[in-house]
PDB file of N, CA and C in Angstrom:
ATOM      1  N   MET A   1      81.656  64.369  66.232  1.00  0.00           N
ATOM      2  CA  MET A   1      80.947  65.577  65.902  1.00  0.00           C
ATOM      3  C   MET A   1      81.003  65.846  64.401  1.00  0.00           C
ATOM      4  N   ALA A   2      81.644  65.016  63.655  1.00  0.00           N
ATOM      5  CA  ALA A   2      81.753  65.210  62.214  1.00  0.00           C
ATOM      6  C   ALA A   2      80.375  65.208  61.563  1.00  0.00           C
ATOM      7  N   ASN A   3      80.224  66.049  60.562  1.00  0.00           N
ATOM      8  CA  ASN A   3      78.992  66.165  59.789  1.00  0.00           C
ATOM      9  C   ASN A   3      77.781  66.608  60.592  1.00  0.00           C
ATOM     10  N   SER A   4      77.971  67.231  61.734  1.00  0.00           N
ATOM     11  CA  SER A   4      76.818  67.747  62.459  1.00  0.00           C
ATOM     12  C   SER A   4      76.599  69.194  62.042  1.00  0.00           C
ATOM     13  N   HIS A   5      75.388  69.516  61.676  1.00  0.00           N
ATOM     14  CA  HIS A   5      75.047  70.860  61.234  1.00  0.00           C
ATOM     15  C   HIS A   5      73.863  71.368  62.053  1.00  0.00           C
ATOM     16  N   SER A   6      73.995  72.555  62.577  1.00  0.00           N
ATOM     17  CA  SER A   6      72.930  73.167  63.348  1.00  0.00           C
ATOM     18  C   SER A   6      72.932  74.660  63.089  1.00  0.00           C
ATOM     19  N   ALA A   7      71.797  75.276  63.284  1.00  0.00           N
ATOM     20  CA  ALA A   7      71.697  76.733  63.181  1.00  0.00           C
ATOM     21  C   ALA A   7      70.982  77.230  64.424  1.00  0.00           C
ATOM     22  N   TYR A   8      71.579  78.226  65.063  1.00  0.00           N
ATOM     23  CA  TYR A   8      70.998  78.804  66.268  1.00  0.00           C
ATOM     24  C   TYR A   8      71.023  80.317  66.145  1.00  0.00           C
ATOM     25  N   SER A   9      70.043  80.942  66.714  1.00  0.00           N
ATOM     26  CA  SER A   9      70.003  82.393  66.777  1.00  0.00           C
ATOM     27  C   SER A   9      69.708  82.768  68.223  1.00  0.00           C
ATOM     28  N   VAL A  10      70.617  83.512  68.828  1.00  0.00           N
ATOM     29  CA  VAL A  10      70.456  83.933  70.217  1.00  0.00           C
ATOM     30  C   VAL A  10      70.729  85.429  70.274  1.00  0.00           C
ATOM     31  N   ASP A  11      69.774  86.200  70.785  1.00  0.00           N
ATOM     32  CA  ASP A  11      69.952  87.637  70.920  1.00  0.00           C
ATOM     33  C   ASP A  11      70.625  87.913  72.256  1.00  0.00           C
ATOM     34  N   LEU A  12      71.889  88.306  72.200  1.00  0.00           N
ATOM     35  CA  LEU A  12      72.663  88.587  73.409  1.00  0.00           C
ATOM     36  C   LEU A  12      72.660  90.066  73.769  1.00  0.00           C
ATOM     37  N   SER A  13      72.042  90.893  72.944  1.00  0.00           N
ATOM     38  CA  SER A  13      72.179  92.339  73.085  1.00  0.00           C
ATOM     39  C   SER A  13      71.671  92.885  74.423  1.00  0.00           C
ATOM     40  N   GLN A  14      70.739  92.227  75.068  1.00  0.00           N
ATOM     41  CA  GLN A  14      70.190  92.717  76.332  1.00  0.00           C
ATOM     42  C   GLN A  14      70.577  91.815  77.511  1.00  0.00           C
ATOM     43  N   GLN A  15      71.627  91.014  77.336  1.00  0.00           N
ATOM     44  CA  GLN A  15      72.006  90.068  78.377  1.00  0.00           C
ATOM     45  C   GLN A  15      73.444  90.266  78.814  1.00  0.00           C
ATOM     46  N   ASN A  16      73.709  89.911  80.053  1.00  0.00           N
ATOM     47  CA  ASN A  16      75.091  89.817  80.511  1.00  0.00           C
ATOM     48  C   ASN A  16      75.607  88.459  80.055  1.00  0.00           C
ATOM     49  N   THR A  17      76.787  88.464  79.504  1.00  0.00           N
ATOM     50  CA  THR A  17      77.353  87.203  79.023  1.00  0.00           C
ATOM     51  C   THR A  17      78.758  87.008  79.559  1.00  0.00           C
ATOM     52  N   GLU A  18      79.175  85.768  79.561  1.00  0.00           N
ATOM     53  CA  GLU A  18      80.555  85.391  79.854  1.00  0.00           C
ATOM     54  C   GLU A  18      81.053  84.617  78.642  1.00  0.00           C
ATOM     55  N   THR A  19      82.231  84.954  78.171  1.00  0.00           N
ATOM     56  CA  THR A  19      82.782  84.306  76.986  1.00  0.00           C
ATOM     57  C   THR A  19      84.190  83.827  77.290  1.00  0.00           C
ATOM     58  N   LYS A  20      84.502  82.616  76.881  1.00  0.00           N
ATOM     59  CA  LYS A  20      85.863  82.102  77.048  1.00  0.00           C
ATOM     60  C   LYS A  20      86.119  81.019  76.008  1.00  0.00           C
ATOM     61  N   VAL A  21      87.373  80.726  75.814  1.00  0.00           N
ATOM     62  CA  VAL A  21      87.762  79.630  74.931  1.00  0.00           C
ATOM     63  C   VAL A  21      88.195  78.469  75.807  1.00  0.00           C
ATOM     64  N   LEU A  22      87.528  77.349  75.627  1.00  0.00           N
ATOM     65  CA  LEU A  22      87.910  76.137  76.329  1.00  0.00           C
ATOM     66  C   LEU A  22      89.038  75.488  75.532  1.00  0.00           C
ATOM     67  N   PRO A  23      90.182  75.225  76.152  1.00  0.00           N
ATOM     68  CA  PRO A  23      91.310  74.684  75.395  1.00  0.00           C
ATOM     69  C   PRO A  23      91.038  73.269  74.887  1.00  0.00           C
ATOM     70  N   ALA A  24      91.700  72.947  73.802  1.00  0.00           N
ATOM     71  CA  ALA A  24      91.599  71.595  73.245  1.00  0.00           C
ATOM     72  C   ALA A  24      92.220  70.597  74.218  1.00  0.00           C
ATOM     73  N   ASN A  25      91.730  69.364  74.163  1.00  0.00           N
ATOM     74  CA  ASN A  25      92.351  68.279  74.920  1.00  0.00           C
ATOM     75  C   ASN A  25      92.403  67.047  74.037  1.00  0.00           C
ATOM     76  N   VAL A  26      92.779  65.936  74.580  1.00  0.00           N
ATOM     77  CA  VAL A  26      92.938  64.704  73.794  1.00  0.00           C
ATOM     78  C   VAL A  26      91.620  64.299  73.128  1.00  0.00           C
ATOM     79  N   TYR A  27      90.512  64.600  73.765  1.00  0.00           N
ATOM     80  CA  TYR A  27      89.214  64.127  73.281  1.00  0.00           C
ATOM     81  C   TYR A  27      88.415  65.161  72.487  1.00  0.00           C
ATOM     82  N   ASN A  28      88.695  66.447  72.681  1.00  0.00           N
ATOM     83  CA  ASN A  28      87.885  67.499  72.066  1.00  0.00           C
ATOM     84  C   ASN A  28      88.752  68.620  71.509  1.00  0.00           C
ATOM     85  N   PRO A  29      88.285  69.252  70.404  1.00  0.00           N
ATOM     86  CA  PRO A  29      88.978  70.455  69.921  1.00  0.00           C
ATOM     87  C   PRO A  29      88.664  71.628  70.853  1.00  0.00           C
ATOM     88  N   ALA A  30      89.334  72.730  70.655  1.00  0.00           N
ATOM     89  CA  ALA A  30      89.034  73.941  71.417  1.00  0.00           C
ATOM     90  C   ALA A  30      87.588  74.345  71.132  1.00  0.00           C
ATOM     91  N   ALA A  31      86.985  75.081  72.070  1.00  0.00           N
ATOM     92  CA  ALA A  31      85.601  75.509  71.878  1.00  0.00           C
ATOM     93  C   ALA A  31      85.429  76.931  72.399  1.00  0.00           C
ATOM     94  N   LEU A  32      84.727  77.733  71.633  1.00  0.00           N
ATOM     95  CA  LEU A  32      84.320  79.073  72.066  1.00  0.00           C
ATOM     96  C   LEU A  32      83.030  78.890  72.845  1.00  0.00           C
ATOM     97  N   GLU A  33      83.031  79.319  74.109  1.00  0.00           N
ATOM     98  CA  GLU A  33      81.845  79.159  74.948  1.00  0.00           C
ATOM     99  C   GLU A  33      81.262  80.521  75.292  1.00  0.00           C
ATOM    100  N   ILE A  34      79.948  80.666  75.097  1.00  0.00           N
ATOM    101  CA  ILE A  34      79.229  81.879  75.458  1.00  0.00           C
ATOM    102  C   ILE A  34      78.116  81.459  76.418  1.00  0.00           C
ATOM    103  N   ARG A  35      78.133  82.059  77.620  1.00  0.00           N
ATOM    104  CA  ARG A  35      77.125  81.744  78.639  1.00  0.00           C
ATOM    105  C   ARG A  35      76.291  82.990  78.931  1.00  0.00           C
ATOM    106  N   GLY A  36      75.014  82.764  79.167  1.00  0.00           N
ATOM    107  CA  GLY A  36      74.120  83.840  79.542  1.00  0.00           C
ATOM    108  C   GLY A  36      72.873  83.264  80.161  1.00  0.00           C
ATOM    109  N   SER A  37      71.849  84.094  80.349  1.00  0.00           N
ATOM    110  CA  SER A  37      70.613  83.603  80.955  1.00  0.00           C
ATOM    111  C   SER A  37      69.900  82.598  80.047  1.00  0.00           C
ATOM    112  N   PHE A  38      70.229  82.587  78.767  1.00  0.00           N
ATOM    113  CA  PHE A  38      69.643  81.641  77.818  1.00  0.00           C
ATOM    114  C   PHE A  38      70.216  80.246  77.979  1.00  0.00           C
ATOM    115  N   GLY A  39      71.360  80.124  78.642  1.00  0.00           N
ATOM    116  CA  GLY A  39      72.059  78.852  78.773  1.00  0.00           C
ATOM    117  C   GLY A  39      73.487  79.010  78.312  1.00  0.00           C
ATOM    118  N   SER A  40      73.988  78.015  77.617  1.00  0.00           N
ATOM    119  CA  SER A  40      75.375  78.020  77.175  1.00  0.00           C
ATOM    120  C   SER A  40      75.459  77.480  75.753  1.00  0.00           C
ATOM    121  N   ILE A  41      76.302  78.120  74.950  1.00  0.00           N
ATOM    122  CA  ILE A  41      76.586  77.650  73.593  1.00  0.00           C
ATOM    123  C   ILE A  41      78.081  77.380  73.515  1.00  0.00           C
ATOM    124  N   GLN A  42      78.453  76.243  72.977  1.00  0.00           N
ATOM    125  CA  GLN A  42      79.854  75.941  72.727  1.00  0.00           C
ATOM    126  C   GLN A  42      80.031  75.687  71.240  1.00  0.00           C
ATOM    127  N   ILE A  43      81.000  76.380  70.653  1.00  0.00           N
ATOM    128  CA  ILE A  43      81.316  76.209  69.235  1.00  0.00           C
ATOM    129  C   ILE A  43      82.683  75.566  69.161  1.00  0.00           C
ATOM    130  N   ALA A  44      82.725  74.276  68.821  1.00  0.00           N
ATOM    131  CA  ALA A  44      83.994  73.566  68.677  1.00  0.00           C
ATOM    132  C   ALA A  44      84.650  74.021  67.389  1.00  0.00           C
ATOM    133  N   ALA A  45      85.938  74.345  67.448  1.00  0.00           N
ATOM    134  CA  ALA A  45      86.617  74.894  66.280  1.00  0.00           C
ATOM    135  C   ALA A  45      88.105  74.601  66.333  1.00  0.00           C
ATOM    136  N   SER A  46      88.724  74.551  65.153  1.00  0.00           N
ATOM    137  CA  SER A  46      90.178  74.415  65.080  1.00  0.00           C
ATOM    138  C   SER A  46      90.801  75.766  65.425  1.00  0.00           C
ATOM    139  N   GLU A  47      92.091  75.773  65.635  1.00  0.00           N
ATOM    140  CA  GLU A  47      92.778  77.036  65.928  1.00  0.00           C
ATOM    141  C   GLU A  47      92.597  78.024  64.776  1.00  0.00           C
ATOM    142  N   GLY A  48      92.657  77.538  63.538  1.00  0.00           N
ATOM    143  CA  GLY A  48      92.464  78.396  62.370  1.00  0.00           C
ATOM    144  C   GLY A  48      91.062  78.976  62.311  1.00  0.00           C
ATOM    145  N   GLN A  49      90.060  78.175  62.654  1.00  0.00           N
ATOM    146  CA  GLN A  49      88.686  78.663  62.662  1.00  0.00           C
ATOM    147  C   GLN A  49      88.481  79.704  63.762  1.00  0.00           C
ATOM    148  N   LEU A  50      89.088  79.496  64.934  1.00  0.00           N
ATOM    149  CA  LEU A  50      89.011  80.500  65.998  1.00  0.00           C
ATOM    150  C   LEU A  50      89.653  81.807  65.539  1.00  0.00           C
ATOM    151  N   ALA A  51      90.762  81.695  64.795  1.00  0.00           N
ATOM    152  CA  ALA A  51      91.422  82.894  64.271  1.00  0.00           C
ATOM    153  C   ALA A  51      90.519  83.613  63.268  1.00  0.00           C
ATOM    154  N   GLU A  52      89.784  82.872  62.438  1.00  0.00           N
ATOM    155  CA  GLU A  52      88.841  83.482  61.496  1.00  0.00           C
ATOM    156  C   GLU A  52      87.725  84.208  62.229  1.00  0.00           C
ATOM    157  N   ILE A  53      87.205  83.616  63.302  1.00  0.00           N
ATOM    158  CA  ILE A  53      86.160  84.252  64.114  1.00  0.00           C
ATOM    159  C   ILE A  53      86.706  85.538  64.715  1.00  0.00           C
ATOM    160  N   GLU A  54      87.903  85.467  65.278  1.00  0.00           N
ATOM    161  CA  GLU A  54      88.533  86.655  65.875  1.00  0.00           C
ATOM    162  C   GLU A  54      88.715  87.745  64.828  1.00  0.00           C
ATOM    163  N   TYR A  55      89.167  87.378  63.630  1.00  0.00           N
ATOM    164  CA  TYR A  55      89.392  88.350  62.566  1.00  0.00           C
ATOM    165  C   TYR A  55      88.073  89.011  62.147  1.00  0.00           C
ATOM    166  N   ALA A  56      87.005  88.215  62.004  1.00  0.00           N
ATOM    167  CA  ALA A  56      85.711  88.769  61.593  1.00  0.00           C
ATOM    168  C   ALA A  56      85.174  89.748  62.643  1.00  0.00           C
ATOM    169  N   ILE A  57      85.311  89.403  63.912  1.00  0.00           N
ATOM    170  CA  ILE A  57      84.842  90.294  64.975  1.00  0.00           C
ATOM    171  C   ILE A  57      85.684  91.564  64.999  1.00  0.00           C
ATOM    172  N   LYS A  58      86.989  91.426  64.858  1.00  0.00           N
ATOM    173  CA  LYS A  58      87.878  92.593  64.865  1.00  0.00           C
ATOM    174  C   LYS A  58      87.568  93.515  63.685  1.00  0.00           C
ATOM    175  N   GLN A  59      87.346  92.956  62.502  1.00  0.00           N
ATOM    176  CA  GLN A  59      86.990  93.766  61.329  1.00  0.00           C
ATOM    177  C   GLN A  59      85.715  94.560  61.604  1.00  0.00           C
ATOM    178  N   HIS A  60      84.737  93.910  62.198  1.00  0.00           N
ATOM    179  CA  HIS A  60      83.470  94.592  62.509  1.00  0.00           C
ATOM    180  C   HIS A  60      83.699  95.726  63.502  1.00  0.00           C
ATOM    181  N   LEU A  61      84.411  95.447  64.585  1.00  0.00           N
ATOM    182  CA  LEU A  61      84.639  96.469  65.607  1.00  0.00           C
ATOM    183  C   LEU A  61      85.475  97.628  65.071  1.00  0.00           C
ATOM    184  N   ASP A  62      86.439  97.327  64.199  1.00  0.00           N
ATOM    185  CA  ASP A  62      87.268  98.386  63.614  1.00  0.00           C
ATOM    186  C   ASP A  62      86.462  99.300  62.695  1.00  0.00           C
ATOM    187  N   SER A  63      85.353  98.802  62.149  1.00  0.00           N
ATOM    188  CA  SER A  63      84.555  99.607  61.221  1.00  0.00           C
ATOM    189  C   SER A  63      83.546 100.500  61.934  1.00  0.00           C
ATOM    190  N   ILE A  64      83.363 100.318  63.231  1.00  0.00           N
ATOM    191  CA  ILE A  64      82.402 101.135  63.982  1.00  0.00           C
ATOM    192  C   ILE A  64      83.005 102.508  64.234  1.00  0.00           C
ATOM    193  N   LYS A  65      82.241 103.523  63.908  1.00  0.00           N
ATOM    194  CA  LYS A  65      82.685 104.891  64.149  1.00  0.00           C
ATOM    195  C   LYS A  65      82.142 105.333  65.502  1.00  0.00           C
ATOM    196  N   TYR A  66      82.964 105.192  66.510  1.00  0.00           N
ATOM    197  CA  TYR A  66      82.568 105.593  67.853  1.00  0.00           C
ATOM    198  C   TYR A  66      82.534 107.113  67.935  1.00  0.00           C
ATOM    199  N   PRO A  67      81.634 107.670  68.733  1.00  0.00           N
ATOM    200  CA  PRO A  67      81.625 109.135  68.888  1.00  0.00           C
ATOM    201  C   PRO A  67      82.967 109.608  69.442  1.00  0.00           C
ATOM    202  N   GLN A  68      83.477 110.664  68.859  1.00  0.00           N
ATOM    203  CA  GLN A  68      84.748 111.213  69.314  1.00  0.00           C
ATOM    204  C   GLN A  68      84.480 112.150  70.488  1.00  0.00           C
ATOM    205  N   PRO A  69      85.324 112.090  71.515  1.00  0.00           N
ATOM    206  CA  PRO A  69      85.117 113.003  72.644  1.00  0.00           C
ATOM    207  C   PRO A  69      85.283 114.452  72.187  1.00  0.00           C
ATOM    208  N   VAL A  70      84.468 115.314  72.741  1.00  0.00           N
ATOM    209  CA  VAL A  70      84.536 116.734  72.409  1.00  0.00           C
ATOM    210  C   VAL A  70      85.661 117.351  73.230  1.00  0.00           C
ATOM    211  N   PRO A  71      86.605 118.014  72.565  1.00  0.00           N
ATOM    212  CA  PRO A  71      87.696 118.620  73.330  1.00  0.00           C
ATOM    213  C   PRO A  71      87.163 119.726  74.233  1.00  0.00           C
ATOM    214  N   PRO A  72      87.768 119.907  75.398  1.00  0.00           N
ATOM    215  CA  PRO A  72      87.294 120.950  76.310  1.00  0.00           C
ATOM    216  C   PRO A  72      87.465 122.329  75.682  1.00  0.00           C
ATOM    217  N   VAL A  73      86.522 123.195  75.969  1.00  0.00           N
ATOM    218  CA  VAL A  73      86.573 124.570  75.455  1.00  0.00           C
ATOM    219  C   VAL A  73      87.570 125.343  76.306  1.00  0.00           C
ATOM    220  N   GLN A  74      88.498 125.987  75.622  1.00  0.00           N
ATOM    221  CA  GLN A  74      89.479 126.797  76.360  1.00  0.00           C
ATOM    222  C   GLN A  74      88.888 128.185  76.603  1.00  0.00           C
ATOM    223  N   GLU A  75      88.955 128.601  77.852  1.00  0.00           N
ATOM    224  CA  GLU A  75      88.425 129.918  78.181  1.00  0.00           C
ATOM    225  C   GLU A  75      89.389 130.987  77.692  1.00  0.00           C
ATOM    226  N   GLU A  76      88.819 132.043  77.125  1.00  0.00           N
ATOM    227  CA  GLU A  76      89.658 133.141  76.656  1.00  0.00           C
ATOM    228  C   GLU A  76      90.135 133.953  77.848  1.00  0.00           C
ATOM    229  N   ALA A  77      91.360 134.312  77.808  1.00  0.00           N
ATOM    230  CA  ALA A  77      91.922 135.134  78.897  1.00  0.00           C
ATOM    231  C   ALA A  77      91.438 136.561  78.730  1.00  0.00           C
ATOM    232  N   THR A  78      90.878 137.096  79.759  1.00  0.00           N
ATOM    233  CA  THR A  78      90.439 138.496  79.707  1.00  0.00           C
ATOM    234  C   THR A  78      91.352 139.324  80.588  1.00  0.00           C
ATOM    235  N   ALA A  79      91.884 140.360  80.022  1.00  0.00           N
ATOM    236  CA  ALA A  79      92.811 141.196  80.779  1.00  0.00           C
ATOM    237  C   ALA A  79      92.329 142.589  80.916  1.00  0.00           C
TER     238      ALA A  79
END
């Protein structure tokens, strides 16, 4: 697989996907696999490269400002 270069663009935003890491074996490095109705993509990567992917995704998710839940309104006691 050395020196193979490809570019793919797949819009997963409207699809159900399954994602897993296929462990390395004697013949192949570990691979990030994403499956959906489009088919399957496998990204072969070293452990360090998988860590870089994880870090980039985590940085992105940490930067998202999710809506904060509105605290319940406390009713005033009337006496």
